[in-house]
């Protein structure tokens, strides 16, 4: 089923017209339309991330530039890496990005297969990764969600990438994230800036890396 997003305004207007009870707002959300759900989200600039029991919030930083590249929610069985990008007001940037990710994965000797999931068309990726203990097969699942002038891309790693049942609570966390696009002009595909809070833990990107960022269009 195609993922559909409703703003708080959409829900309230619909309820006013037909007199029905307001239904829950579906996320991820635009920062301007975050529902009054009582969640105290961590403000990281372009991303507002909900705390989740059992998951550690980390920021992946490029040591050469000191730039925060992505947000990582990590647990004992896996992780989810989240990034947001500038997108056109009307369009489907995720459909443009998927072939780029698949081509890059193939160039690195891996595979990327499309399938339909909770958030629409997603990519199931496999690639051989060399580690000190030997070569292993790394699985990842990449989803993209088109928002209001932004694209939210999430990469599931570990068990949430392989097991649909195990992925469900991770997907729920993803629906609670809010994206702050900002008003300024940006090239399509440019990463939205992530703010590094004081005392944040620096994390080196995992061996083998994750999917590449969308290129400018």
Protein backbone atom coordinates (compact mmCIF):
# COMPACT_ATOMS: atom_id res chain seq x y z
CA UNK A 1 0.00 0.00 0.00
CA UNK A 2 1.37 3.42 -0.90
CA UNK A 3 2.39 5.42 2.18
CA UNK A 4 0.25 8.54 2.62
CA UNK A 5 1.01 11.45 4.86
CA UNK A 6 -1.61 13.70 6.52
CA UNK A 7 -0.84 16.98 8.20
CA UNK A 8 -2.58 18.07 11.38
CA UNK A 9 -4.46 20.64 9.30
CA UNK A 10 -5.68 17.97 6.89
CA UNK A 11 -7.06 15.86 9.73
CA UNK A 12 -8.77 18.73 11.54
CA UNK A 13 -10.39 20.02 8.34
CA UNK A 14 -11.65 16.56 7.43
CA UNK A 15 -13.14 16.13 10.90
CA UNK A 16 -14.82 19.52 10.74
CA UNK A 17 -16.46 18.70 7.40
CA UNK A 18 -17.97 15.34 8.25
CA UNK A 19 -18.24 15.60 12.03
CA UNK A 20 -16.18 12.44 12.58
CA UNK A 21 -13.54 11.99 15.26
CA UNK A 22 -10.04 13.06 14.20
CA UNK A 23 -7.85 10.13 13.20
CA UNK A 24 -4.16 9.89 14.21
CA UNK A 25 -1.73 11.90 12.10
CA UNK A 26 0.52 9.66 10.02
CA UNK A 27 4.27 10.45 9.83
CA UNK A 28 7.06 11.11 9.21
CA UNK A 29 6.03 14.70 9.75
CA UNK A 30 6.95 18.08 8.45
CA UNK A 31 8.38 20.15 11.33
CA UNK A 32 5.65 22.74 10.76
CA UNK A 33 2.94 20.14 11.34
CA UNK A 34 4.20 18.03 14.24
CA UNK A 35 1.19 16.59 16.08
CA UNK A 36 0.58 17.22 19.77
CA UNK A 37 1.52 13.64 20.65
CA UNK A 38 3.52 14.36 23.81
CA UNK A 39 6.79 13.08 22.28
CA UNK A 40 9.84 15.14 23.33
CA UNK A 41 11.86 14.90 20.11
CA UNK A 42 15.59 15.60 20.03
CA UNK A 43 16.15 18.68 17.85
CA UNK A 44 19.05 18.07 15.44
CA UNK A 45 18.36 20.92 13.06
CA UNK A 46 16.85 19.35 9.96
CA UNK A 47 15.73 16.26 11.90
CA UNK A 48 13.65 15.99 15.04
CA UNK A 49 14.13 12.47 16.37
CA UNK A 50 12.00 10.75 19.04
CA UNK A 51 13.73 8.94 21.90
CA UNK A 52 13.14 5.20 21.88
CA UNK A 53 13.70 2.70 24.69
CA UNK A 54 16.60 0.39 23.96
CA UNK A 55 17.98 2.49 21.09
CA UNK A 56 21.02 4.77 21.30
CA UNK A 57 21.01 8.01 19.30
CA UNK A 58 24.34 8.58 17.56
CA UNK A 59 25.61 11.04 14.96
CA UNK A 60 27.95 9.97 12.19
CA UNK A 61 30.55 12.69 11.59
CA UNK A 62 32.96 13.18 8.70
CA UNK A 63 36.23 13.62 10.57
CA UNK A 64 37.85 15.52 7.69
CA UNK A 65 35.18 18.25 7.62
CA UNK A 66 33.61 17.82 11.09
CA UNK A 67 30.26 17.72 9.26
CA UNK A 68 27.46 15.54 10.61
CA UNK A 69 26.51 13.15 7.79
CA UNK A 70 23.61 11.20 9.28
CA UNK A 71 21.69 10.16 12.37
CA UNK A 72 21.96 6.59 13.63
CA UNK A 73 19.56 4.85 16.01
CA UNK A 74 21.37 1.73 17.21
CA UNK A 75 20.26 -1.25 19.28
CA UNK A 76 21.58 -4.72 20.16
CA UNK A 77 20.16 -6.33 16.98
CA UNK A 78 20.65 -3.61 14.40
CA UNK A 79 20.38 0.04 13.51
CA UNK A 80 18.59 2.54 11.33
CA UNK A 81 20.48 5.37 9.61
CA UNK A 82 18.41 8.45 8.74
CA UNK A 83 19.17 11.34 6.37
CA UNK A 84 17.07 14.11 4.85
CA UNK A 85 17.56 15.86 1.49
CA UNK A 86 16.14 18.87 -0.30
CA UNK A 87 13.47 17.94 -2.85
CA UNK A 88 11.12 19.70 -5.29
CA UNK A 89 7.80 20.90 -3.94
CA UNK A 90 5.92 18.58 -6.30
CA UNK A 91 7.63 15.44 -7.50
CA UNK A 92 8.93 12.01 -6.60
CA UNK A 93 12.64 12.36 -5.82
CA UNK A 94 12.77 8.86 -4.35
CA UNK A 95 11.96 7.35 -7.76
CA UNK A 96 14.88 9.28 -9.23
CA UNK A 97 17.27 8.28 -6.46
CA UNK A 98 16.62 4.52 -6.38
CA UNK A 99 18.36 3.75 -9.71
CA UNK A 100 21.40 5.74 -8.53
CA UNK A 101 21.63 3.70 -5.35
CA UNK A 102 21.20 0.43 -7.26
CA UNK A 103 23.92 1.41 -9.77
CA UNK A 104 26.34 2.33 -7.02
CA UNK A 105 25.64 -0.93 -5.20
CA UNK A 106 26.30 -2.92 -8.40
CA UNK A 107 29.55 -1.02 -9.01
CA UNK A 108 30.71 -2.06 -5.54
CA UNK A 109 29.88 -5.70 -6.26
CA UNK A 110 26.55 -5.85 -4.47
CA UNK A 111 22.89 -6.13 -5.42
CA UNK A 112 19.83 -3.93 -4.90
CA UNK A 113 16.35 -5.35 -5.51
CA UNK A 114 13.12 -3.35 -5.48
CA UNK A 115 10.05 -4.48 -3.55
CA UNK A 116 6.90 -2.93 -2.10
CA UNK A 117 6.84 -2.25 1.63
CA UNK A 118 5.10 -0.19 4.27
CA UNK A 119 6.45 3.07 2.83
CA UNK A 120 6.09 2.21 -0.85
CA UNK A 121 8.86 0.99 -3.15
CA UNK A 122 12.05 0.17 -1.26
CA UNK A 123 15.44 -1.42 -1.94
CA UNK A 124 16.78 -4.65 -0.47
CA UNK A 125 20.58 -4.59 -0.73
CA UNK A 126 23.35 -7.14 -0.20
CA UNK A 127 27.10 -6.56 -0.40
CA UNK A 128 30.24 -8.39 0.66
CA UNK A 129 32.08 -6.54 3.43
CA UNK A 130 35.64 -7.30 4.54
CA UNK A 131 36.25 -7.26 8.26
CA UNK A 132 39.15 -8.38 10.44
CA UNK A 133 37.44 -11.72 11.09
CA UNK A 134 36.81 -12.29 7.38
CA UNK A 135 34.34 -11.46 4.64
CA UNK A 136 30.66 -11.27 5.55
CA UNK A 137 27.46 -10.50 3.64
CA UNK A 138 25.95 -7.21 4.78
CA UNK A 139 22.19 -6.80 4.38
CA UNK A 140 20.45 -3.43 4.27
CA UNK A 141 16.97 -2.20 3.48
CA UNK A 142 16.56 1.35 2.17
CA UNK A 143 13.28 3.26 2.19
CA UNK A 144 12.57 6.74 0.90
CA UNK A 145 9.66 8.97 1.87
CA UNK A 146 8.79 12.06 -0.16
CA UNK A 147 7.71 14.99 1.99
CA UNK A 148 7.04 18.70 1.61
CA UNK A 149 10.17 19.79 -0.30
CA UNK A 150 12.19 17.07 1.39
CA UNK A 151 13.08 13.40 1.04
CA UNK A 152 13.66 11.31 4.14
CA UNK A 153 15.82 8.27 3.51
CA UNK A 154 16.25 5.50 6.07
CA UNK A 155 18.63 2.55 5.88
CA UNK A 156 17.83 -0.46 8.08
CA UNK A 157 20.86 -2.55 9.10
CA UNK A 158 21.15 -5.89 10.88
CA UNK A 159 18.06 -7.87 11.88
CA UNK A 160 15.56 -5.08 10.98
CA UNK A 161 16.85 -5.30 7.40
CA UNK A 162 16.21 -9.04 7.16
CA UNK A 163 13.18 -9.71 9.38
CA UNK A 164 9.90 -7.91 8.65
CA UNK A 165 8.49 -8.66 12.10
CA UNK A 166 11.63 -7.36 13.82
CA UNK A 167 11.52 -4.21 11.66
CA UNK A 168 8.03 -3.14 12.79
CA UNK A 169 9.05 -1.19 15.93
CA UNK A 170 11.90 0.47 14.00
CA UNK A 171 9.40 1.54 11.34
CA UNK A 172 7.19 3.00 14.05
CA UNK A 173 10.10 5.16 15.24
CA UNK A 174 10.60 6.33 11.65
CA UNK A 175 6.97 7.52 11.48
CA UNK A 176 7.56 9.74 14.54
CA UNK A 177 10.49 11.65 13.00
CA UNK A 178 9.92 15.23 11.85
CA UNK A 179 11.88 16.98 9.08
CA UNK A 180 12.70 20.70 9.08
CA UNK A 181 13.32 21.76 5.46
CA UNK A 182 13.91 25.47 6.03
CA UNK A 183 12.79 28.29 3.74
CA UNK A 184 16.00 28.96 1.81
CA UNK A 185 16.62 27.69 -1.74
CA UNK A 186 18.69 24.51 -2.02
CA UNK A 187 19.76 22.29 -4.94
CA UNK A 188 17.58 19.21 -5.30
CA UNK A 189 19.25 16.29 -3.56
CA UNK A 190 21.43 18.37 -1.26
CA UNK A 191 21.59 16.95 2.30
CA UNK A 192 19.74 19.03 4.86
CA UNK A 193 22.14 20.17 7.61
CA UNK A 194 22.21 18.25 10.88
CA UNK A 195 23.21 20.09 14.05
CA UNK A 196 25.75 18.47 16.37
CA UNK A 197 24.63 18.99 19.98
CA UNK A 198 27.14 19.43 22.78
CA UNK A 199 28.37 16.15 24.21
CA UNK A 200 27.20 14.12 21.22
CA UNK A 201 29.08 10.90 20.57
CA UNK A 202 31.12 10.71 17.36
CA UNK A 203 30.71 7.51 15.34
CA UNK A 204 32.85 6.25 12.47
CA UNK A 205 30.67 5.01 9.54
CA UNK A 206 30.42 1.18 9.46
CA UNK A 207 32.71 -0.84 7.21
CA UNK A 208 31.29 -1.09 3.74
CA UNK A 209 29.30 2.12 4.26
CA UNK A 210 25.68 2.66 3.42
CA UNK A 211 23.85 3.89 0.36
CA UNK A 212 25.13 7.08 -1.31
CA UNK A 213 23.44 10.44 -1.01
CA UNK A 214 21.29 11.60 -3.91
CA UNK A 215 23.13 13.71 -6.45
CA UNK A 216 22.01 17.19 -7.47
CA UNK A 217 19.27 17.35 -10.08
